[in-house]
Amino acid sequence: MNIQVEDIRIRAILATYRKRVPVTEGYVEVKDEGTWKQICDKHWTMKNSRVVCGMFGFPSERKYNTNVYKMFASRRKQHYWAYSMDCSGNEAHISSCKLGNHLTGTGKNSSCANGMPAVVSCVPGRAFAPSSHSGFRKAFRQEQPLVRLKGGANTGEGRVEVLKNGEWGTVCDDNWNLVSASVVCRELGFGSAKEAITGARLGQGMGPIHLNEIDCTGFEKSVTDCKFNTESQGCNHEEDAAVRCNVPAMGFQNQLRLSGGRNPYEGRVEVLAERNGTLRWGTVCSHNWGTVEAMVVCRQLGLGFASHAFQETWYWHGDVSADDVVMSGVKCSGTEMSLSHCRHDGAHVSCPRGGGRFGAGVSCSETAPDLVLNAELVEQTAYLEDRPMFLLQCALEENCLASSAHNTSLTSGYRRLLRFSSQIHNNGQSDFRPKNGRHAWVWHDCHRHYHSMEVFTHYDLLNLNGTKVAEGHKASFCLEDTECEADVQKQYECANFGEQGITVGCWDVYRHDIDCQWIDITDVPPGDYLFQVVINPNYEVAESDYSNNVMKCRSRYDGQRIWMYNCHIGGSFSEETEQKFDHFRGLTNNNVSAR
């Protein structure tokens, strides 16, 4: 059936549905030779409704009150389309359905004897369901979902991850198609799949590959009910499957615009806000404006990820009539679909700097990097060293030791250091580049090279209720490609004031034996602790996924030796397992050598 998506619509008929966004119920209409025509409901089935609802971003269809529509249809003349549709219900798009019977009738006006126009009534996913207070629920949360999407820029897209035995894993793309992808989309409260994406095009995942050769009928409640092969031999993370789902048209992109940029992907953020009863454009206060807020703006406009957030935009001449600040105090969690869903000051705008040249700005990008720390390596390389103070002069000057080190004797004193290696991979779709240009890089005497990021990682030791026990420190880094996957070329190196960054498919290794690659635990009493590393903690550089920037281990220190165990990346286990981890006192292994 050759029907383009813009050639079909759901037109709200009843007054209650006309005011609502998104439109969930109404006539199904098809554009034929420039005019919209209804479809005769004689051969219309719920399977057809399911396909139409899926196309418009809704997971399922429901019954509706036919009497009201009968009454409505009897009052006016309809223009019927000459055909009907015959869908089996698992199609991702109406154009995949068979064309049904040709209606009787003469010339351009087909008739629908004793029938009326076909109506669909769709059930929106929870994130899109109109609710009384704000018009929308803030975020869509299922109870312990079995499937999630990661690393996508827009709502309803991402790498498919499945929860099995308490651990999240990916799906291999063998036989991955629109029917199986649509099961994932509907399960998550979206419509059918717009695209089934192969070859890890939305970034590589971590951990196990749970499912392979998925074969769905299209009617399963969950992708975990489909037939699949648990053997994933021959699969690797370069074959991680992803999806883009059909999402309801919410009109969010019309409430926001970028103004004055050199291209459509950048500019000063201007929002449409109601002031004294009229809608007008204005700027957003840039106080505390950061990458997370910029991410929401880029998502709302469908422009991908944020690459930068700007607190000054005087070099972009926006619309002068929109200079006034209409939104302030914006604080987003990062999952919102619209800037108006973030916390903000409401009608009581407060912005001492004012708007205009200090209006918030963004630049967006279709791709982003994604840094992940190798948790296994931390577990394997951790050990204690009692290091004499006279070898730690440089580290002391660079604040890599606890403050009590200033009172330690230079000749006879020592510090007890928990050392480990950091191997940081870029699993995203674009290179990780430092925020600062070369003019702002800092020379580090200990390492004998320039550091492009003053705070690149936080190293901390916490007690089991989450309070810091060692001062830890904020480590600065020079970013380079230490090693890469077989087919990837190294681009960045620290030596000779070289370009810095981490290429996609490469990793940067800071070995356990270099200065500052430690936590000073001299003053820490024996006990059970949590060891935590956070990469890019201030969100200085935009990434497609911040949830995997935290790495946690359980650790036990007996005063002489240290054990690290259960090291894992944030978001790799179910919430239940994660909670047990934080309150678990046993020791599972003893695989770290004491030195």
Foldseek 3Di string as FASTA:
>chain_A
DDADPVQWDFDDDDPVQVPAPPRFKHFIWGQDPRDTFFEWCPVPDLLLLQLVCLQQWFLHWDDDDVVVQVVVQVVDDGAYDQWHWAAPNLDNHSVPTDIHDGADDDDRGGDRPPTGGDMIGGDFFQQQDQDPDPRGDFDHDDDQDQWDAFQWLAPQKHFIWGADPQFIAFEFQVLFDQSLQQLASSLSRTGGFPDKDWQCLSWFDDDHHQWYNWDAPNPDNHSVPTDTDRDPPPGDRRTTIMTHGNHHCRVQLVQWAAFQDPDRQKHFIWGFDADPRDTDIAFEQLVVPWQLLLSLNCRLNVNGGWFTKDQFHQVGQGDPVHQFHQWYPFDAPNRGNHSVSTDTDPRPDDHVVTGRRRGMMTGGHNWFWAKFKDQVQQQAFKEKDWAQQLVCPLVVVVVLAAPCSVVADNPGGTFIWTFGKIKMATRINFWFAAPDDLVPWDQRPQVRFTFRFQFFKWKFKAALVGHTDFPTDRHTHFAFFPDFPPVDDGDFDTPPVTGHTHGNRGIDMDGRPGPSNTTGCRPPAWDKIKIKMAGCVVPSGPGSDRQQRMWIWIWGGHPQIMHTDPIDGGPRGGPVVVVCRSVPDDDDDRNYDYD
